[in-house]
Amino acid sequence: MERPPPGCRRGSAPPPSRPPPPSSTREEAVTPFVNPGETVKKDAAVVVVRDPEAGLKPSPTPPPSEALREFDKLVERALSRERITPADQALVRRYFALLRSLTEPAPR
């Protein structure tokens, strides 16, 4: 015996089906981008596995003074690599010196 569709009672007519959505006024054919030639050979498969402990333990946060020391090294490398005027380089160095002084404990 055939079952009625869900939501129908026995002996009643099936619910009316919805009309299809209106079609776009602009129809286009899409040509797939295919590059003929040799296929790529892979050495190994990569499998992504979810870490069950991800997000449970927050990463250790270094003290601000230590983080700024590490950041100073990065800033110095960036200043030497980029084309920054000497006046702007001095401004950046003063900015980080001020930040460092704000994070250091006050003298007693």
N, C-alpha and C. Protein backbone atom coordinates (compact mmCIF):
# COMPACT_ATOMS: atom_id res chain seq x y z
N MET A 1 0.84 -1.17 0.00
CA MET A 1 0.00 0.00 0.00
C MET A 1 0.89 1.24 0.00
N GLU A 2 0.55 2.20 -0.81
CA GLU A 2 1.34 3.41 -0.96
C GLU A 2 0.98 4.41 0.14
N ARG A 3 2.01 5.03 0.72
CA ARG A 3 1.77 6.00 1.79
C ARG A 3 1.47 7.37 1.19
N PRO A 4 0.58 8.12 1.85
CA PRO A 4 0.32 9.47 1.36
C PRO A 4 1.50 10.37 1.72
N PRO A 5 1.69 11.45 0.96
CA PRO A 5 2.78 12.37 1.27
C PRO A 5 2.59 12.98 2.66
N PRO A 6 3.67 13.37 3.33
CA PRO A 6 3.54 13.93 4.67
C PRO A 6 2.66 15.18 4.64
N GLY A 7 1.89 15.36 5.68
CA GLY A 7 1.01 16.52 5.76
C GLY A 7 -0.37 16.26 5.17
N CYS A 8 -0.60 15.09 4.56
CA CYS A 8 -1.90 14.77 3.97
C CYS A 8 -2.64 13.82 4.90
N ARG A 9 -3.90 14.02 5.01
CA ARG A 9 -4.74 13.08 5.75
C ARG A 9 -5.26 12.06 4.77
N ARG A 10 -5.60 10.94 5.33
CA ARG A 10 -6.14 9.90 4.46
C ARG A 10 -7.44 10.38 3.83
N GLY A 11 -7.57 10.15 2.58
CA GLY A 11 -8.79 10.48 1.86
C GLY A 11 -8.83 11.92 1.37
N SER A 12 -7.86 12.75 1.73
CA SER A 12 -7.88 14.13 1.25
C SER A 12 -6.93 14.26 0.07
N ALA A 13 -7.13 15.29 -0.67
CA ALA A 13 -6.30 15.53 -1.86
C ALA A 13 -4.93 16.02 -1.42
N PRO A 14 -3.88 15.72 -2.16
CA PRO A 14 -2.55 16.21 -1.80
C PRO A 14 -2.51 17.73 -1.89
N PRO A 15 -1.65 18.37 -1.09
CA PRO A 15 -1.58 19.83 -1.15
C PRO A 15 -1.12 20.29 -2.52
N PRO A 16 -1.58 21.47 -2.95
CA PRO A 16 -1.17 21.94 -4.28
C PRO A 16 0.32 22.26 -4.28
N SER A 17 0.97 21.94 -5.37
CA SER A 17 2.41 22.21 -5.45
C SER A 17 2.61 23.68 -5.80
N ARG A 18 3.72 24.22 -5.33
CA ARG A 18 4.03 25.62 -5.61
C ARG A 18 4.51 25.77 -7.04
N PRO A 19 4.19 26.90 -7.66
CA PRO A 19 4.69 27.12 -9.03
C PRO A 19 6.20 27.36 -8.98
N PRO A 20 6.90 27.04 -10.04
CA PRO A 20 8.34 27.26 -10.06
C PRO A 20 8.65 28.76 -9.99
N PRO A 21 9.80 29.13 -9.48
CA PRO A 21 10.15 30.55 -9.43
C PRO A 21 10.27 31.11 -10.83
N PRO A 22 10.03 32.41 -10.99
CA PRO A 22 10.12 33.00 -12.33
C PRO A 22 11.55 32.90 -12.86
N SER A 23 11.65 32.65 -14.13
CA SER A 23 12.99 32.51 -14.72
C SER A 23 13.59 33.88 -14.95
N SER A 24 14.90 33.90 -14.99
CA SER A 24 15.62 35.14 -15.21
C SER A 24 15.30 35.64 -16.61
N THR A 25 15.30 36.94 -16.77
CA THR A 25 15.02 37.50 -18.09
C THR A 25 16.23 37.38 -19.00
N ARG A 26 17.40 37.17 -18.40
CA ARG A 26 18.61 37.07 -19.20
C ARG A 26 19.19 35.67 -19.03
N GLU A 27 19.19 34.91 -20.08
CA GLU A 27 19.73 33.56 -20.01
C GLU A 27 21.06 33.53 -20.75
N GLU A 28 22.02 32.88 -20.14
CA GLU A 28 23.35 32.77 -20.74
C GLU A 28 23.84 31.34 -20.65
N ALA A 29 24.61 30.97 -21.62
CA ALA A 29 25.26 29.66 -21.58
C ALA A 29 26.66 29.89 -21.03
N VAL A 30 27.07 29.05 -20.12
CA VAL A 30 28.39 29.18 -19.52
C VAL A 30 29.30 28.12 -20.12
N THR A 31 30.40 28.57 -20.65
CA THR A 31 31.37 27.64 -21.20
C THR A 31 32.40 27.35 -20.12
N PRO A 32 32.57 26.10 -19.74
CA PRO A 32 33.55 25.81 -18.69
C PRO A 32 34.97 26.12 -19.16
N PHE A 33 35.78 26.57 -18.23
CA PHE A 33 37.17 26.89 -18.54
C PHE A 33 37.97 25.60 -18.46
N VAL A 34 38.40 25.12 -19.58
CA VAL A 34 39.15 23.87 -19.63
C VAL A 34 40.49 24.17 -20.27
N ASN A 35 41.51 23.69 -19.63
CA ASN A 35 42.85 23.88 -20.14
C ASN A 35 43.37 22.53 -20.61
N PRO A 36 43.42 22.31 -21.89
CA PRO A 36 43.89 21.00 -22.36
C PRO A 36 45.36 20.81 -22.02
N GLY A 37 45.71 19.60 -21.76
CA GLY A 37 47.11 19.32 -21.46
C GLY A 37 47.23 18.26 -20.39
N GLU A 38 48.45 18.13 -19.88
CA GLU A 38 48.74 17.12 -18.89
C GLU A 38 48.09 17.46 -17.55
N THR A 39 47.58 16.46 -16.89
CA THR A 39 46.95 16.69 -15.58
C THR A 39 48.02 16.70 -14.50
N VAL A 40 47.69 17.29 -13.37
CA VAL A 40 48.63 17.40 -12.26
C VAL A 40 48.59 16.12 -11.45
N LYS A 41 49.75 15.62 -11.12
CA LYS A 41 49.84 14.41 -10.30
C LYS A 41 50.13 14.84 -8.87
N LYS A 42 49.37 14.31 -7.92
CA LYS A 42 49.55 14.68 -6.52
C LYS A 42 50.36 13.62 -5.80
N ASP A 43 51.21 14.06 -4.90
CA ASP A 43 52.05 13.14 -4.14
C ASP A 43 51.29 12.49 -2.99
N ALA A 44 50.45 13.27 -2.31
CA ALA A 44 49.76 12.74 -1.14
C ALA A 44 48.42 13.44 -0.98
N ALA A 45 47.51 12.75 -0.34
CA ALA A 45 46.21 13.33 -0.05
C ALA A 45 46.28 14.07 1.27
N VAL A 46 45.54 15.16 1.37
CA VAL A 46 45.49 15.93 2.61
C VAL A 46 44.11 15.74 3.21
N VAL A 47 44.08 15.32 4.46
CA VAL A 47 42.82 15.08 5.14
C VAL A 47 42.70 16.09 6.29
N VAL A 48 41.60 16.81 6.32
CA VAL A 48 41.38 17.78 7.39
C VAL A 48 40.60 17.09 8.49
N VAL A 49 41.14 17.14 9.70
CA VAL A 49 40.51 16.50 10.85
C VAL A 49 40.21 17.60 11.87
N ARG A 50 38.98 17.61 12.37
CA ARG A 50 38.63 18.61 13.38
C ARG A 50 39.28 18.25 14.70
N ASP A 51 39.81 19.27 15.36
CA ASP A 51 40.43 19.08 16.66
C ASP A 51 39.35 19.17 17.72
N PRO A 52 39.11 18.10 18.49
CA PRO A 52 38.04 18.14 19.49
C PRO A 52 38.33 19.13 20.60
N GLU A 53 39.59 19.51 20.80
CA GLU A 53 39.94 20.44 21.86
C GLU A 53 40.12 21.87 21.35
N ALA A 54 39.80 22.10 20.09
CA ALA A 54 39.98 23.44 19.53
C ALA A 54 39.07 24.42 20.23
N GLY A 55 39.64 25.53 20.63
CA GLY A 55 38.87 26.58 21.28
C GLY A 55 38.60 26.36 22.75
N LEU A 56 38.99 25.20 23.31
CA LEU A 56 38.72 24.96 24.72
C LEU A 56 39.72 25.67 25.62
N LYS A 57 41.00 25.65 25.22
CA LYS A 57 42.03 26.29 26.02
C LYS A 57 42.46 27.57 25.31
N PRO A 58 42.36 28.73 25.98
CA PRO A 58 42.84 29.95 25.32
C PRO A 58 44.36 29.92 25.22
N SER A 59 44.87 30.50 24.16
CA SER A 59 46.32 30.52 24.00
C SER A 59 46.93 31.42 25.06
N PRO A 60 48.12 31.09 25.52
CA PRO A 60 48.73 31.91 26.57
C PRO A 60 49.03 33.32 26.04
N THR A 61 48.67 34.31 26.82
CA THR A 61 48.89 35.70 26.42
C THR A 61 50.14 36.21 27.12
N PRO A 62 51.12 36.68 26.33
CA PRO A 62 52.33 37.19 26.97
C PRO A 62 52.03 38.54 27.63
N PRO A 63 52.84 38.93 28.60
CA PRO A 63 52.64 40.25 29.20
C PRO A 63 52.88 41.34 28.14
N PRO A 64 52.19 42.47 28.25
CA PRO A 64 52.32 43.52 27.22
C PRO A 64 53.75 43.97 26.98
N SER A 65 54.56 44.06 28.03
CA SER A 65 55.94 44.52 27.82
C SER A 65 56.72 43.55 26.93
N GLU A 66 56.51 42.26 27.12
CA GLU A 66 57.18 41.25 26.29
C GLU A 66 56.66 41.29 24.86
N ALA A 67 55.34 41.43 24.71
CA ALA A 67 54.75 41.50 23.37
C ALA A 67 55.27 42.71 22.62
N LEU A 68 55.42 43.85 23.31
CA LEU A 68 55.93 45.04 22.65
C LEU A 68 57.39 44.88 22.24
N ARG A 69 58.19 44.16 23.05
CA ARG A 69 59.58 43.93 22.66
C ARG A 69 59.65 43.14 21.36
N GLU A 70 58.81 42.10 21.25
CA GLU A 70 58.78 41.32 20.02
C GLU A 70 58.27 42.18 18.85
N PHE A 71 57.29 43.02 19.16
CA PHE A 71 56.72 43.86 18.11
C PHE A 71 57.73 44.90 17.64
N ASP A 72 58.59 45.38 18.57
CA ASP A 72 59.63 46.34 18.19
C ASP A 72 60.54 45.76 17.11
N LYS A 73 60.89 44.49 17.25
CA LYS A 73 61.75 43.85 16.25
C LYS A 73 61.07 43.83 14.89
N LEU A 74 59.78 43.51 14.88
CA LEU A 74 59.04 43.49 13.62
C LEU A 74 58.95 44.88 13.01
N VAL A 75 58.73 45.88 13.85
CA VAL A 75 58.63 47.26 13.36
C VAL A 75 59.95 47.70 12.75
N GLU A 76 61.05 47.40 13.42
CA GLU A 76 62.36 47.78 12.89
C GLU A 76 62.62 47.14 11.53
N ARG A 77 62.24 45.87 11.41
CA ARG A 77 62.41 45.21 10.10
C ARG A 77 61.54 45.87 9.04
N ALA A 78 60.31 46.21 9.40
CA ALA A 78 59.41 46.85 8.44
C ALA A 78 59.90 48.24 8.07
N LEU A 79 60.43 48.98 9.06
CA LEU A 79 60.94 50.32 8.77
C LEU A 79 62.12 50.26 7.81
N SER A 80 62.96 49.26 7.97
CA SER A 80 64.12 49.16 7.08
C SER A 80 63.72 48.69 5.68
N ARG A 81 62.63 47.94 5.59
CA ARG A 81 62.20 47.38 4.31
C ARG A 81 61.38 48.38 3.49
N GLU A 82 60.52 49.16 4.15
CA GLU A 82 59.63 50.09 3.45
C GLU A 82 60.34 51.41 3.19
N ARG A 83 59.77 52.19 2.30
CA ARG A 83 60.32 53.51 2.00
C ARG A 83 59.63 54.55 2.88
N ILE A 84 60.07 54.64 4.12
CA ILE A 84 59.48 55.56 5.09
C ILE A 84 60.51 56.64 5.37
N THR A 85 60.06 57.88 5.38
CA THR A 85 60.99 58.99 5.61
C THR A 85 61.57 58.89 7.01
N PRO A 86 62.79 59.41 7.20
CA PRO A 86 63.41 59.36 8.53
C PRO A 86 62.55 60.02 9.61
N ALA A 87 61.85 61.10 9.27
CA ALA A 87 61.00 61.77 10.26
C ALA A 87 59.86 60.84 10.69
N ASP A 88 59.27 60.11 9.74
CA ASP A 88 58.20 59.18 10.08
C ASP A 88 58.73 57.98 10.86
N GLN A 89 59.96 57.56 10.54
CA GLN A 89 60.56 56.46 11.29
C GLN A 89 60.75 56.86 12.74
N ALA A 90 61.19 58.09 12.97
CA ALA A 90 61.37 58.58 14.34
C ALA A 90 60.03 58.65 15.06
N LEU A 91 58.97 59.04 14.35
CA LEU A 91 57.63 59.11 14.95
C LEU A 91 57.16 57.72 15.38
N VAL A 92 57.38 56.72 14.54
CA VAL A 92 56.97 55.35 14.87
C VAL A 92 57.76 54.85 16.08
N ARG A 93 59.04 55.14 16.12
CA ARG A 93 59.86 54.70 17.26
C ARG A 93 59.40 55.38 18.56
N ARG A 94 59.08 56.68 18.50
CA ARG A 94 58.59 57.39 19.69
C ARG A 94 57.25 56.81 20.14
N TYR A 95 56.40 56.45 19.18
CA TYR A 95 55.09 55.88 19.49
C TYR A 95 55.25 54.58 20.29
N PHE A 96 56.13 53.70 19.82
CA PHE A 96 56.31 52.43 20.52
C PHE A 96 57.04 52.62 21.85
N ALA A 97 57.91 53.61 21.94
CA ALA A 97 58.56 53.90 23.23
C ALA A 97 57.51 54.36 24.23
N LEU A 98 56.55 55.18 23.79
CA LEU A 98 55.48 55.62 24.67
C LEU A 98 54.61 54.44 25.11
N LEU A 99 54.26 53.56 24.17
CA LEU A 99 53.48 52.37 24.53
C LEU A 99 54.22 51.51 25.55
N ARG A 100 55.51 51.33 25.35
CA ARG A 100 56.30 50.51 26.26
C ARG A 100 56.31 51.15 27.65
N SER A 101 56.42 52.48 27.71
CA SER A 101 56.46 53.14 29.02
C SER A 101 55.11 53.03 29.73
N LEU A 102 54.04 52.95 28.98
CA LEU A 102 52.71 52.80 29.58
C LEU A 102 52.47 51.40 30.13
N THR A 103 53.15 50.40 29.55
CA THR A 103 52.92 49.02 29.99
C THR A 103 53.87 48.59 31.09
N GLU A 104 54.96 49.32 31.28
CA GLU A 104 55.91 48.94 32.33
C GLU A 104 55.35 49.33 33.69
N PRO A 105 55.65 48.53 34.71
CA PRO A 105 55.15 48.88 36.04
C PRO A 105 55.75 50.20 36.51
N ALA A 106 54.95 50.94 37.26
CA ALA A 106 55.39 52.23 37.77
C ALA A 106 56.46 52.03 38.84
N PRO A 107 57.49 52.90 38.86
CA PRO A 107 58.54 52.76 39.89
C PRO A 107 57.96 53.11 41.26
N ARG A 108 58.45 52.40 42.30
CA ARG A 108 57.92 52.62 43.67
C ARG A 108 58.83 53.47 44.46
